[in-house]
Amino acid sequence: MSMNKKKNIKITRRIIDICMTILMLCLMAYQMTGDVFHEWIGIGMSVLVITHQILNRKWYSAIIKGRYSLLRAWFLCVDILLLISFTVNAICGISMSSHAMPFMYGFLPIAFARSPFWFGIIL
């Protein structure tokens, strides 16, 4: 891989990280954005998280290689739990979406998607 291509990938990763941070702040400002905008921001966040995971796919292949210090093992656990958390939140959010993705509304029972039970599992 050429040096220019590596630099472009690194810049793309940084831009996606910045966009994810901004979108996460907007998602937390639900009372200010309202239902429709909140759902579309969530869809955008899901797309960015998937793109982020694709760009960092080499990280997954490196998980099984090498030795892990206690600190690195801890960060690996946190990263995997965050990935699971994002996935569950995206799936539950899409199943409750009535504006951005109305065709997916209710593919999970709403009581299941809104359940605080998930927080206990993930955290």
PDB file of N, CA and C in Angstrom:
ATOM      1  N   MET A   1       0.847  -1.169   0.000  1.00  0.00           N
ATOM      2  CA  MET A   1       0.000   0.000   0.000  1.00  0.00           C
ATOM      3  C   MET A   1       0.894   1.234   0.000  1.00  0.00           C
ATOM      4  N   SER A   2       0.570   2.162  -0.869  1.00  0.00           N
ATOM      5  CA  SER A   2       1.395   3.355  -0.972  1.00  0.00           C
ATOM      6  C   SER A   2       1.187   4.270   0.233  1.00  0.00           C
ATOM      7  N   MET A   3       2.159   5.132   0.423  1.00  0.00           N
ATOM      8  CA  MET A   3       2.126   6.053   1.556  1.00  0.00           C
ATOM      9  C   MET A   3       0.951   7.027   1.436  1.00  0.00           C
ATOM     10  N   ASN A   4       0.645   7.420   0.204  1.00  0.00           N
ATOM     11  CA  ASN A   4      -0.459   8.337  -0.029  1.00  0.00           C
ATOM     12  C   ASN A   4      -1.797   7.696   0.339  1.00  0.00           C
ATOM     13  N   LYS A   5      -1.965   6.426  -0.009  1.00  0.00           N
ATOM     14  CA  LYS A   5      -3.213   5.725   0.293  1.00  0.00           C
ATOM     15  C   LYS A   5      -3.387   5.547   1.797  1.00  0.00           C
ATOM     16  N   LYS A   6      -2.297   5.211   2.497  1.00  0.00           N
ATOM     17  CA  LYS A   6      -2.360   5.084   3.953  1.00  0.00           C
ATOM     18  C   LYS A   6      -2.752   6.407   4.601  1.00  0.00           C
ATOM     19  N   LYS A   7      -2.201   7.495   4.077  1.00  0.00           N
ATOM     20  CA  LYS A   7      -2.506   8.813   4.623  1.00  0.00           C
ATOM     21  C   LYS A   7      -3.985   9.156   4.387  1.00  0.00           C
ATOM     22  N   ASN A   8      -4.493   8.820   3.208  1.00  0.00           N
ATOM     23  CA  ASN A   8      -5.900   9.084   2.910  1.00  0.00           C
ATOM     24  C   ASN A   8      -6.826   8.277   3.811  1.00  0.00           C
ATOM     25  N   ILE A   9      -6.476   7.016   4.070  1.00  0.00           N
ATOM     26  CA  ILE A   9      -7.284   6.175   4.961  1.00  0.00           C
ATOM     27  C   ILE A   9      -7.270   6.742   6.374  1.00  0.00           C
ATOM     28  N   LYS A  10      -6.101   7.206   6.808  1.00  0.00           N
ATOM     29  CA  LYS A  10      -5.987   7.780   8.155  1.00  0.00           C
ATOM     30  C   LYS A  10      -6.835   9.051   8.279  1.00  0.00           C
ATOM     31  N   ILE A  11      -6.815   9.879   7.248  1.00  0.00           N
ATOM     32  CA  ILE A  11      -7.622  11.099   7.262  1.00  0.00           C
ATOM     33  C   ILE A  11      -9.107  10.741   7.257  1.00  0.00           C
ATOM     34  N   THR A  12      -9.488   9.751   6.447  1.00  0.00           N
ATOM     35  CA  THR A  12     -10.882   9.303   6.394  1.00  0.00           C
ATOM     36  C   THR A  12     -11.334   8.793   7.753  1.00  0.00           C
ATOM     37  N   ARG A  13     -10.485   8.030   8.424  1.00  0.00           N
ATOM     38  CA  ARG A  13     -10.826   7.527   9.761  1.00  0.00           C
ATOM     39  C   ARG A  13     -11.057   8.666  10.736  1.00  0.00           C
ATOM     40  N   ARG A  14     -10.211   9.675  10.688  1.00  0.00           N
ATOM     41  CA  ARG A  14     -10.355  10.824  11.603  1.00  0.00           C
ATOM     42  C   ARG A  14     -11.647  11.578  11.328  1.00  0.00           C
ATOM     43  N   ILE A  15     -11.975  11.771  10.043  1.00  0.00           N
ATOM     44  CA  ILE A  15     -13.200  12.475   9.687  1.00  0.00           C
ATOM     45  C   ILE A  15     -14.414  11.693  10.193  1.00  0.00           C
ATOM     46  N   ILE A  16     -14.402  10.372  10.008  1.00  0.00           N
ATOM     47  CA  ILE A  16     -15.507   9.547  10.485  1.00  0.00           C
ATOM     48  C   ILE A  16     -15.598   9.607  12.000  1.00  0.00           C
ATOM     49  N   ASP A  17     -14.468   9.580  12.704  1.00  0.00           N
ATOM     50  CA  ASP A  17     -14.477   9.682  14.167  1.00  0.00           C
ATOM     51  C   ASP A  17     -15.080  11.014  14.633  1.00  0.00           C
ATOM     52  N   ILE A  18     -14.717  12.090  13.966  1.00  0.00           N
ATOM     53  CA  ILE A  18     -15.255  13.410  14.326  1.00  0.00           C
ATOM     54  C   ILE A  18     -16.754  13.457  14.061  1.00  0.00           C
ATOM     55  N   CYS A  19     -17.180  12.942  12.907  1.00  0.00           N
ATOM     56  CA  CYS A  19     -18.614  12.917  12.576  1.00  0.00           C
ATOM     57  C   CYS A  19     -19.392  12.055  13.568  1.00  0.00           C
ATOM     58  N   MET A  20     -18.818  10.928  13.975  1.00  0.00           N
ATOM     59  CA  MET A  20     -19.491  10.069  14.959  1.00  0.00           C
ATOM     60  C   MET A  20     -19.640  10.789  16.294  1.00  0.00           C
ATOM     61  N   THR A  21     -18.626  11.532  16.689  1.00  0.00           N
ATOM     62  CA  THR A  21     -18.694  12.287  17.949  1.00  0.00           C
ATOM     63  C   THR A  21     -19.785  13.341  17.887  1.00  0.00           C
ATOM     64  N   ILE A  22     -19.847  14.067  16.786  1.00  0.00           N
ATOM     65  CA  ILE A  22     -20.867  15.109  16.633  1.00  0.00           C
ATOM     66  C   ILE A  22     -22.262  14.501  16.603  1.00  0.00           C
ATOM     67  N   LEU A  23     -22.421  13.396  15.842  1.00  0.00           N
ATOM     68  CA  LEU A  23     -23.732  12.756  15.773  1.00  0.00           C
ATOM     69  C   LEU A  23     -24.147  12.179  17.123  1.00  0.00           C
ATOM     70  N   MET A  24     -23.202  11.671  17.885  1.00  0.00           N
ATOM     71  CA  MET A  24     -23.532  11.140  19.214  1.00  0.00           C
ATOM     72  C   MET A  24     -24.043  12.268  20.120  1.00  0.00           C
ATOM     73  N   LEU A  25     -23.432  13.423  20.035  1.00  0.00           N
ATOM     74  CA  LEU A  25     -23.913  14.569  20.818  1.00  0.00           C
ATOM     75  C   LEU A  25     -25.316  14.983  20.378  1.00  0.00           C
ATOM     76  N   CYS A  26     -25.562  14.954  19.067  1.00  0.00           N
ATOM     77  CA  CYS A  26     -26.896  15.290  18.565  1.00  0.00           C
ATOM     78  C   CYS A  26     -27.929  14.247  18.983  1.00  0.00           C
ATOM     79  N   LEU A  27     -27.538  12.982  19.009  1.00  0.00           N
ATOM     80  CA  LEU A  27     -28.462  11.938  19.451  1.00  0.00           C
ATOM     81  C   LEU A  27     -28.843  12.110  20.912  1.00  0.00           C
ATOM     82  N   MET A  28     -27.900  12.562  21.715  1.00  0.00           N
ATOM     83  CA  MET A  28     -28.186  12.768  23.136  1.00  0.00           C
ATOM     84  C   MET A  28     -29.053  13.997  23.366  1.00  0.00           C
ATOM     85  N   ALA A  29     -29.135  14.884  22.381  1.00  0.00           N
ATOM     86  CA  ALA A  29     -29.952  16.094  22.492  1.00  0.00           C
ATOM     87  C   ALA A  29     -31.341  15.856  21.915  1.00  0.00           C
ATOM     88  N   TYR A  30     -31.921  14.716  22.251  1.00  0.00           N
ATOM     89  CA  TYR A  30     -33.213  14.304  21.704  1.00  0.00           C
ATOM     90  C   TYR A  30     -34.312  15.346  21.926  1.00  0.00           C
ATOM     91  N   GLN A  31     -34.337  15.972  23.088  1.00  0.00           N
ATOM     92  CA  GLN A  31     -35.374  16.951  23.386  1.00  0.00           C
ATOM     93  C   GLN A  31     -35.280  18.168  22.477  1.00  0.00           C
ATOM     94  N   MET A  32     -34.092  18.454  21.985  1.00  0.00           N
ATOM     95  CA  MET A  32     -33.899  19.609  21.110  1.00  0.00           C
ATOM     96  C   MET A  32     -34.141  19.264  19.640  1.00  0.00           C
ATOM     97  N   THR A  33     -33.871  18.024  19.257  1.00  0.00           N
ATOM     98  CA  THR A  33     -33.970  17.669  17.838  1.00  0.00           C
ATOM     99  C   THR A  33     -35.347  17.155  17.447  1.00  0.00           C
ATOM    100  N   GLY A  34     -36.053  16.517  18.345  1.00  0.00           N
ATOM    101  CA  GLY A  34     -37.362  15.968  18.025  1.00  0.00           C
ATOM    102  C   GLY A  34     -37.260  14.573  17.429  1.00  0.00           C
ATOM    103  N   ASP A  35     -38.413  13.950  17.219  1.00  0.00           N
ATOM    104  CA  ASP A  35     -38.473  12.552  16.787  1.00  0.00           C
ATOM    105  C   ASP A  35     -37.842  12.299  15.420  1.00  0.00           C
ATOM    106  N   VAL A  36     -38.300  13.025  14.413  1.00  0.00           N
ATOM    107  CA  VAL A  36     -37.886  12.743  13.038  1.00  0.00           C
ATOM    108  C   VAL A  36     -36.385  12.934  12.875  1.00  0.00           C
ATOM    109  N   PHE A  37     -35.885  14.079  13.311  1.00  0.00           N
ATOM    110  CA  PHE A  37     -34.461  14.365  13.164  1.00  0.00           C
ATOM    111  C   PHE A  37     -33.619  13.367  13.977  1.00  0.00           C
ATOM    112  N   HIS A  38     -34.098  13.021  15.171  1.00  0.00           N
ATOM    113  CA  HIS A  38     -33.385  12.061  16.014  1.00  0.00           C
ATOM    114  C   HIS A  38     -33.251  10.705  15.301  1.00  0.00           C
ATOM    115  N   GLU A  39     -34.313  10.265  14.646  1.00  0.00           N
ATOM    116  CA  GLU A  39     -34.256   8.985  13.941  1.00  0.00           C
ATOM    117  C   GLU A  39     -33.294   9.031  12.762  1.00  0.00           C
ATOM    118  N   TRP A  40     -33.302  10.111  12.016  1.00  0.00           N
ATOM    119  CA  TRP A  40     -32.381  10.214  10.870  1.00  0.00           C
ATOM    120  C   TRP A  40     -30.925  10.323  11.330  1.00  0.00           C
ATOM    121  N   ILE A  41     -30.696  11.009  12.431  1.00  0.00           N
ATOM    122  CA  ILE A  41     -29.337  11.058  12.994  1.00  0.00           C
ATOM    123  C   ILE A  41     -28.905   9.660  13.417  1.00  0.00           C
ATOM    124  N   GLY A  42     -29.830   8.895  14.002  1.00  0.00           N
ATOM    125  CA  GLY A  42     -29.525   7.516  14.398  1.00  0.00           C
ATOM    126  C   GLY A  42     -29.160   6.642  13.203  1.00  0.00           C
ATOM    127  N   ILE A  43     -29.874   6.804  12.095  1.00  0.00           N
ATOM    128  CA  ILE A  43     -29.552   6.052  10.871  1.00  0.00           C
ATOM    129  C   ILE A  43     -28.156   6.441  10.390  1.00  0.00           C
ATOM    130  N   GLY A  44     -27.873   7.740  10.389  1.00  0.00           N
ATOM    131  CA  GLY A  44     -26.536   8.197   9.979  1.00  0.00           C
ATOM    132  C   GLY A  44     -25.448   7.662  10.898  1.00  0.00           C
ATOM    133  N   MET A  45     -25.732   7.642  12.186  1.00  0.00           N
ATOM    134  CA  MET A  45     -24.765   7.112  13.158  1.00  0.00           C
ATOM    135  C   MET A  45     -24.520   5.629  12.911  1.00  0.00           C
ATOM    136  N   SER A  46     -25.573   4.883  12.626  1.00  0.00           N
ATOM    137  CA  SER A  46     -25.422   3.453  12.346  1.00  0.00           C
ATOM    138  C   SER A  46     -24.556   3.217  11.116  1.00  0.00           C
ATOM    139  N   VAL A  47     -24.776   4.008  10.080  1.00  0.00           N
ATOM    140  CA  VAL A  47     -23.971   3.883   8.854  1.00  0.00           C
ATOM    141  C   VAL A  47     -22.505   4.206   9.150  1.00  0.00           C
ATOM    142  N   LEU A  48     -22.275   5.255   9.940  1.00  0.00           N
ATOM    143  CA  LEU A  48     -20.897   5.616  10.276  1.00  0.00           C
ATOM    144  C   LEU A  48     -20.219   4.554  11.138  1.00  0.00           C
ATOM    145  N   VAL A  49     -20.945   3.949  12.072  1.00  0.00           N
ATOM    146  CA  VAL A  49     -20.364   2.900  12.909  1.00  0.00           C
ATOM    147  C   VAL A  49     -19.988   1.692  12.046  1.00  0.00           C
ATOM    148  N   ILE A  50     -20.856   1.326  11.104  1.00  0.00           N
ATOM    149  CA  ILE A  50     -20.539   0.214  10.199  1.00  0.00           C
ATOM    150  C   ILE A  50     -19.320   0.546   9.355  1.00  0.00           C
ATOM    151  N   THR A  51     -19.274   1.762   8.816  1.00  0.00           N
ATOM    152  CA  THR A  51     -18.111   2.189   8.028  1.00  0.00           C
ATOM    153  C   THR A  51     -16.842   2.183   8.864  1.00  0.00           C
ATOM    154  N   HIS A  52     -16.953   2.648  10.096  1.00  0.00           N
ATOM    155  CA  HIS A  52     -15.822   2.663  11.018  1.00  0.00           C
ATOM    156  C   HIS A  52     -15.294   1.240  11.251  1.00  0.00           C
ATOM    157  N   GLN A  53     -16.204   0.291  11.438  1.00  0.00           N
ATOM    158  CA  GLN A  53     -15.799  -1.096  11.663  1.00  0.00           C
ATOM    159  C   GLN A  53     -15.139  -1.692  10.417  1.00  0.00           C
ATOM    160  N   ILE A  54     -15.637  -1.343   9.243  1.00  0.00           N
ATOM    161  CA  ILE A  54     -15.032  -1.837   8.001  1.00  0.00           C
ATOM    162  C   ILE A  54     -13.622  -1.280   7.841  1.00  0.00           C
ATOM    163  N   LEU A  55     -13.445   0.002   8.129  1.00  0.00           N
ATOM    164  CA  LEU A  55     -12.113   0.606   8.006  1.00  0.00           C
ATOM    165  C   LEU A  55     -11.128   0.033   9.026  1.00  0.00           C
ATOM    166  N   ASN A  56     -11.624  -0.441  10.151  1.00  0.00           N
ATOM    167  CA  ASN A  56     -10.760  -0.997  11.199  1.00  0.00           C
ATOM    168  C   ASN A  56     -10.780  -2.515  11.230  1.00  0.00           C
ATOM    169  N   ARG A  57     -11.066  -3.146  10.104  1.00  0.00           N
ATOM    170  CA  ARG A  57     -11.187  -4.611  10.063  1.00  0.00           C
ATOM    171  C   ARG A  57      -9.875  -5.317  10.369  1.00  0.00           C
ATOM    172  N   LYS A  58      -8.743  -4.688  10.115  1.00  0.00           N
ATOM    173  CA  LYS A  58      -7.461  -5.322  10.429  1.00  0.00           C
ATOM    174  C   LYS A  58      -7.265  -5.468  11.936  1.00  0.00           C
ATOM    175  N   TRP A  59      -7.913  -4.604  12.691  1.00  0.00           N
ATOM    176  CA  TRP A  59      -7.829  -4.688  14.151  1.00  0.00           C
ATOM    177  C   TRP A  59      -8.401  -6.014  14.632  1.00  0.00           C
ATOM    178  N   TYR A  60      -9.494  -6.456  14.007  1.00  0.00           N
ATOM    179  CA  TYR A  60     -10.112  -7.717  14.412  1.00  0.00           C
ATOM    180  C   TYR A  60      -9.210  -8.907  14.119  1.00  0.00           C
ATOM    181  N   SER A  61      -8.478  -8.856  13.004  1.00  0.00           N
ATOM    182  CA  SER A  61      -7.583  -9.976  12.690  1.00  0.00           C
ATOM    183  C   SER A  61      -6.380 -10.004  13.628  1.00  0.00           C
ATOM    184  N   ALA A  62      -6.060  -8.871  14.225  1.00  0.00           N
ATOM    185  CA  ALA A  62      -4.916  -8.805  15.141  1.00  0.00           C
ATOM    186  C   ALA A  62      -5.286  -9.188  16.580  1.00  0.00           C
ATOM    187  N   ILE A  63      -6.570  -9.415  16.833  1.00  0.00           N
ATOM    188  CA  ILE A  63      -6.992  -9.738  18.205  1.00  0.00           C
ATOM    189  C   ILE A  63      -6.351 -11.028  18.696  1.00  0.00           C
ATOM    190  N   ILE A  64      -6.293 -12.034  17.849  1.00  0.00           N
ATOM    191  CA  ILE A  64      -5.812 -13.344  18.286  1.00  0.00           C
ATOM    192  C   ILE A  64      -4.297 -13.467  18.237  1.00  0.00           C
ATOM    193  N   LYS A  65      -3.629 -12.435  17.793  1.00  0.00           N
ATOM    194  CA  LYS A  65      -2.166 -12.479  17.703  1.00  0.00           C
ATOM    195  C   LYS A  65      -1.532 -11.790  18.911  1.00  0.00           C
ATOM    196  N   GLY A  66      -0.418 -12.282  19.319  1.00  0.00           N
ATOM    197  CA  GLY A  66       0.373 -11.608  20.336  1.00  0.00           C
ATOM    198  C   GLY A  66      -0.101 -11.828  21.757  1.00  0.00           C
ATOM    199  N   ARG A  67       0.679 -11.262  22.666  1.00  0.00           N
ATOM    200  CA  ARG A  67       0.373 -11.321  24.090  1.00  0.00           C
ATOM    201  C   ARG A  67      -0.354 -10.056  24.497  1.00  0.00           C
ATOM    202  N   TYR A  68      -1.146 -10.197  25.551  1.00  0.00           N
ATOM    203  CA  TYR A  68      -1.907  -9.060  26.039  1.00  0.00           C
ATOM    204  C   TYR A  68      -1.527  -8.755  27.473  1.00  0.00           C
ATOM    205  N   SER A  69      -1.217  -7.498  27.712  1.00  0.00           N
ATOM    206  CA  SER A  69      -1.039  -7.061  29.091  1.00  0.00           C
ATOM    207  C   SER A  69      -2.436  -6.932  29.703  1.00  0.00           C
ATOM    208  N   LEU A  70      -2.498  -6.760  30.981  1.00  0.00           N
ATOM    209  CA  LEU A  70      -3.776  -6.619  31.664  1.00  0.00           C
ATOM    210  C   LEU A  70      -4.534  -5.399  31.146  1.00  0.00           C
ATOM    211  N   LEU A  71      -3.822  -4.301  30.946  1.00  0.00           N
ATOM    212  CA  LEU A  71      -4.453  -3.075  30.458  1.00  0.00           C
ATOM    213  C   LEU A  71      -4.994  -3.261  29.037  1.00  0.00           C
ATOM    214  N   ARG A  72      -4.226  -3.895  28.172  1.00  0.00           N
ATOM    215  CA  ARG A  72      -4.678  -4.118  26.794  1.00  0.00           C
ATOM    216  C   ARG A  72      -5.870  -5.074  26.761  1.00  0.00           C
ATOM    217  N   ALA A  73      -5.871  -6.082  27.594  1.00  0.00           N
ATOM    218  CA  ALA A  73      -7.009  -7.005  27.671  1.00  0.00           C
ATOM    219  C   ALA A  73      -8.257  -6.263  28.148  1.00  0.00           C
ATOM    220  N   TRP A  74      -8.085  -5.366  29.104  1.00  0.00           N
ATOM    221  CA  TRP A  74      -9.204  -4.571  29.605  1.00  0.00           C
ATOM    222  C   TRP A  74      -9.779  -3.693  28.495  1.00  0.00           C
ATOM    223  N   PHE A  75      -8.913  -2.999  27.749  1.00  0.00           N
ATOM    224  CA  PHE A  75      -9.374  -2.158  26.645  1.00  0.00           C
ATOM    225  C   PHE A  75     -10.045  -2.980  25.547  1.00  0.00           C
ATOM    226  N   LEU A  76      -9.564  -4.188  25.316  1.00  0.00           N
ATOM    227  CA  LEU A  76     -10.193  -5.076  24.343  1.00  0.00           C
ATOM    228  C   LEU A  76     -11.606  -5.433  24.783  1.00  0.00           C
ATOM    229  N   CYS A  77     -11.780  -5.738  26.059  1.00  0.00           N
ATOM    230  CA  CYS A  77     -13.116  -6.038  26.583  1.00  0.00           C
ATOM    231  C   CYS A  77     -14.037  -4.833  26.457  1.00  0.00           C
ATOM    232  N   VAL A  78     -13.532  -3.661  26.786  1.00  0.00           N
ATOM    233  CA  VAL A  78     -14.340  -2.439  26.676  1.00  0.00           C
ATOM    234  C   VAL A  78     -14.735  -2.200  25.216  1.00  0.00           C
ATOM    235  N   ASP A  79     -13.800  -2.362  24.286  1.00  0.00           N
ATOM    236  CA  ASP A  79     -14.098  -2.170  22.868  1.00  0.00           C
ATOM    237  C   ASP A  79     -15.161  -3.139  22.375  1.00  0.00           C
ATOM    238  N   ILE A  80     -15.067  -4.384  22.764  1.00  0.00           N
ATOM    239  CA  ILE A  80     -16.048  -5.388  22.332  1.00  0.00           C
ATOM    240  C   ILE A  80     -17.414  -5.102  22.955  1.00  0.00           C
ATOM    241  N   LEU A  81     -17.443  -4.708  24.224  1.00  0.00           N
ATOM    242  CA  LEU A  81     -18.715  -4.359  24.864  1.00  0.00           C
ATOM    243  C   LEU A  81     -19.351  -3.128  24.219  1.00  0.00           C
ATOM    244  N   LEU A  82     -18.530  -2.158  23.835  1.00  0.00           N
ATOM    245  CA  LEU A  82     -19.057  -0.983  23.138  1.00  0.00           C
ATOM    246  C   LEU A  82     -19.646  -1.361  21.781  1.00  0.00           C
ATOM    247  N   LEU A  83     -18.983  -2.250  21.061  1.00  0.00           N
ATOM    248  CA  LEU A  83     -19.488  -2.701  19.773  1.00  0.00           C
ATOM    249  C   LEU A  83     -20.829  -3.420  19.945  1.00  0.00           C
ATOM    250  N   ILE A  84     -20.927  -4.269  20.951  1.00  0.00           N
ATOM    251  CA  ILE A  84     -22.189  -4.962  21.230  1.00  0.00           C
ATOM    252  C   ILE A  84     -23.267  -3.947  21.615  1.00  0.00           C
ATOM    253  N   SER A  85     -22.898  -2.963  22.426  1.00  0.00           N
ATOM    254  CA  SER A  85     -23.847  -1.941  22.849  1.00  0.00           C
ATOM    255  C   SER A  85     -24.371  -1.136  21.662  1.00  0.00           C
ATOM    256  N   PHE A  86     -23.482  -0.703  20.779  1.00  0.00           N
ATOM    257  CA  PHE A  86     -23.899   0.037  19.587  1.00  0.00           C
ATOM    258  C   PHE A  86     -24.819  -0.810  18.717  1.00  0.00           C
ATOM    259  N   THR A  87     -24.501  -2.090  18.574  1.00  0.00           N
ATOM    260  CA  THR A  87     -25.307  -2.974  17.740  1.00  0.00           C
ATOM    261  C   THR A  87     -26.710  -3.144  18.310  1.00  0.00           C
ATOM    262  N   VAL A  88     -26.791  -3.425  19.604  1.00  0.00           N
ATOM    263  CA  VAL A  88     -28.102  -3.611  20.236  1.00  0.00           C
ATOM    264  C   VAL A  88     -28.904  -2.320  20.182  1.00  0.00           C
ATOM    265  N   ASN A  89     -28.261  -1.182  20.453  1.00  0.00           N
ATOM    266  CA  ASN A  89     -28.975   0.093  20.403  1.00  0.00           C
ATOM    267  C   ASN A  89     -29.465   0.409  18.998  1.00  0.00           C
ATOM    268  N   ALA A  90     -28.652   0.122  17.989  1.00  0.00           N
ATOM    269  CA  ALA A  90     -29.069   0.383  16.608  1.00  0.00           C
ATOM    270  C   ALA A  90     -30.255  -0.497  16.226  1.00  0.00           C
ATOM    271  N   ILE A  91     -30.193  -1.769  16.570  1.00  0.00           N
ATOM    272  CA  ILE A  91     -31.289  -2.689  16.235  1.00  0.00           C
ATOM    273  C   ILE A  91     -32.577  -2.281  16.961  1.00  0.00           C
ATOM    274  N   CYS A  92     -32.462  -1.962  18.247  1.00  0.00           N
ATOM    275  CA  CYS A  92     -33.645  -1.550  19.004  1.00  0.00           C
ATOM    276  C   CYS A  92     -34.185  -0.213  18.494  1.00  0.00           C
ATOM    277  N   GLY A  93     -33.304   0.705  18.160  1.00  0.00           N
ATOM    278  CA  GLY A  93     -33.731   2.002  17.635  1.00  0.00           C
ATOM    279  C   GLY A  93     -34.431   1.876  16.293  1.00  0.00           C
ATOM    280  N   ILE A  94     -33.896   1.024  15.427  1.00  0.00           N
ATOM    281  CA  ILE A  94     -34.524   0.826  14.121  1.00  0.00           C
ATOM    282  C   ILE A  94     -35.887   0.169  14.275  1.00  0.00           C
ATOM    283  N   SER A  95     -36.008  -0.733  15.238  1.00  0.00           N
ATOM    284  CA  SER A  95     -37.301  -1.401  15.426  1.00  0.00           C
ATOM    285  C   SER A  95     -38.365  -0.447  15.980  1.00  0.00           C
ATOM    286  N   MET A  96     -37.952   0.668  16.569  1.00  0.00           N
ATOM    287  CA  MET A  96     -38.909   1.655  17.080  1.00  0.00           C
ATOM    288  C   MET A  96     -39.066   2.843  16.137  1.00  0.00           C
ATOM    289  N   SER A  97     -38.362   2.848  15.028  1.00  0.00           N
ATOM    290  CA  SER A  97     -38.377   3.968  14.094  1.00  0.00           C
ATOM    291  C   SER A  97     -39.688   4.006  13.318  1.00  0.00           C
ATOM    292  N   SER A  98     -40.420   5.076  13.483  1.00  0.00           N
ATOM    293  CA  SER A  98     -41.674   5.215  12.743  1.00  0.00           C
ATOM    294  C   SER A  98     -41.578   6.282  11.655  1.00  0.00           C
ATOM    295  N   HIS A  99     -40.500   7.052  11.635  1.00  0.00           N
ATOM    296  CA  HIS A  99     -40.339   8.109  10.640  1.00  0.00           C
ATOM    297  C   HIS A  99     -39.257   7.773   9.603  1.00  0.00           C
ATOM    298  N   ALA A 100     -38.071   7.440  10.061  1.00  0.00           N
ATOM    299  CA  ALA A 100     -36.954   7.213   9.137  1.00  0.00           C
ATOM    300  C   ALA A 100     -37.064   5.872   8.425  1.00  0.00           C
ATOM    301  N   MET A 101     -37.481   4.844   9.132  1.00  0.00           N
ATOM    302  CA  MET A 101     -37.594   3.507   8.543  1.00  0.00           C
ATOM    303  C   MET A 101     -38.925   2.882   8.963  1.00  0.00           C
ATOM    304  N   PRO A 102     -40.046   3.409   8.470  1.00  0.00           N
ATOM    305  CA  PRO A 102     -41.353   2.908   8.925  1.00  0.00           C
ATOM    306  C   PRO A 102     -41.604   1.449   8.551  1.00  0.00           C
ATOM    307  N   PHE A 103     -40.952   0.966   7.505  1.00  0.00           N
ATOM    308  CA  PHE A 103     -41.141  -0.434   7.103  1.00  0.00           C
ATOM    309  C   PHE A 103     -40.499  -1.402   8.088  1.00  0.00           C
ATOM    310  N   MET A 104     -39.585  -0.927   8.939  1.00  0.00           N
ATOM    311  CA  MET A 104     -38.939  -1.779   9.933  1.00  0.00           C
ATOM    312  C   MET A 104     -39.599  -1.647  11.311  1.00  0.00           C
ATOM    313  N   TYR A 105     -40.585  -0.764  11.411  1.00  0.00           N
ATOM    314  CA  TYR A 105     -41.238  -0.518  12.693  1.00  0.00           C
ATOM    315  C   TYR A 105     -41.861  -1.807  13.223  1.00  0.00           C
ATOM    316  N   GLY A 106     -41.481  -2.181  14.411  1.00  0.00           N
ATOM    317  CA  GLY A 106     -42.081  -3.310  15.079  1.00  0.00           C
ATOM    318  C   GLY A 106     -41.532  -4.676  14.695  1.00  0.00           C
ATOM    319  N   PHE A 107     -40.369  -4.740  14.006  1.00  0.00           N
ATOM    320  CA  PHE A 107     -39.836  -6.077  13.726  1.00  0.00           C
ATOM    321  C   PHE A 107     -39.361  -6.752  14.999  1.00  0.00           C
ATOM    322  N   LEU A 108     -39.142  -5.985  16.044  1.00  0.00           N
ATOM    323  CA  LEU A 108     -38.976  -6.500  17.405  1.00  0.00           C
ATOM    324  C   LEU A 108     -40.142  -5.962  18.224  1.00  0.00           C
ATOM    325  N   PRO A 109     -40.612  -6.695  19.190  1.00  0.00           N
ATOM    326  CA  PRO A 109     -41.663  -6.140  20.041  1.00  0.00           C
ATOM    327  C   PRO A 109     -41.165  -4.854  20.716  1.00  0.00           C
ATOM    328  N   ILE A 110     -42.000  -3.843  20.722  1.00  0.00           N
ATOM    329  CA  ILE A 110     -41.599  -2.548  21.271  1.00  0.00           C
ATOM    330  C   ILE A 110     -41.205  -2.673  22.737  1.00  0.00           C
ATOM    331  N   ALA A 111     -41.880  -3.516  23.487  1.00  0.00           N
ATOM    332  CA  ALA A 111     -41.526  -3.709  24.896  1.00  0.00           C
ATOM    333  C   ALA A 111     -40.119  -4.280  25.024  1.00  0.00           C
ATOM    334  N   PHE A 112     -39.724  -5.119  24.081  1.00  0.00           N
ATOM    335  CA  PHE A 112     -38.372  -5.680  24.079  1.00  0.00           C
ATOM    336  C   PHE A 112     -37.347  -4.600  23.743  1.00  0.00           C
ATOM    337  N   ALA A 113     -37.649  -3.782  22.739  1.00  0.00           N
ATOM    338  CA  ALA A 113     -36.710  -2.747  22.304  1.00  0.00           C
ATOM    339  C   ALA A 113     -36.521  -1.661  23.358  1.00  0.00           C
ATOM    340  N   ARG A 114     -37.550  -1.384  24.131  1.00  0.00           N
ATOM    341  CA  ARG A 114     -37.463  -0.331  25.151  1.00  0.00           C
ATOM    342  C   ARG A 114     -37.063  -0.849  26.512  1.00  0.00           C
ATOM    343  N   SER A 115     -36.823  -2.111  26.625  1.00  0.00           N
ATOM    344  CA  SER A 115     -36.562  -2.725  27.916  1.00  0.00           C
ATOM    345  C   SER A 115     -35.236  -2.267  28.516  1.00  0.00           C
ATOM    346  N   PRO A 116     -35.227  -1.874  29.788  1.00  0.00           N
ATOM    347  CA  PRO A 116     -33.966  -1.532  30.457  1.00  0.00           C
ATOM    348  C   PRO A 116     -33.131  -2.773  30.752  1.00  0.00           C
ATOM    349  N   PHE A 117     -33.682  -3.960  30.453  1.00  0.00           N
ATOM    350  CA  PHE A 117     -32.958  -5.208  30.658  1.00  0.00           C
ATOM    351  C   PHE A 117     -31.638  -5.203  29.904  1.00  0.00           C
ATOM    352  N   TRP A 118     -31.597  -4.587  28.721  1.00  0.00           N
ATOM    353  CA  TRP A 118     -30.373  -4.565  27.906  1.00  0.00           C
ATOM    354  C   TRP A 118     -29.237  -3.845  28.608  1.00  0.00           C
ATOM    355  N   PHE A 119     -29.553  -2.808  29.364  1.00  0.00           N
ATOM    356  CA  PHE A 119     -28.510  -2.072  30.043  1.00  0.00           C
ATOM    357  C   PHE A 119     -27.786  -2.941  31.064  1.00  0.00           C
ATOM    358  N   GLY A 120     -28.534  -3.824  31.715  1.00  0.00           N
ATOM    359  CA  GLY A 120     -27.934  -4.732  32.689  1.00  0.00           C
ATOM    360  C   GLY A 120     -27.009  -5.737  32.031  1.00  0.00           C
ATOM    361  N   ILE A 121     -27.377  -6.209  30.842  1.00  0.00           N
ATOM    362  CA  ILE A 121     -26.535  -7.172  30.133  1.00  0.00           C
ATOM    363  C   ILE A 121     -25.255  -6.511  29.624  1.00  0.00           C
ATOM    364  N   ILE A 122     -25.426  -5.350  29.015  1.00  0.00           N
ATOM    365  CA  ILE A 122     -24.283  -4.698  28.366  1.00  0.00           C
ATOM    366  C   ILE A 122     -23.340  -4.083  29.387  1.00  0.00           C
ATOM    367  N   LEU A 123     -23.896  -3.484  30.418  1.00  0.00           N
ATOM    368  CA  LEU A 123     -23.026  -2.833  31.398  1.00  0.00           C
ATOM    369  C   LEU A 123     -22.693  -3.821  32.480  1.00  0.00           C
TER     370      LEU A 123
END
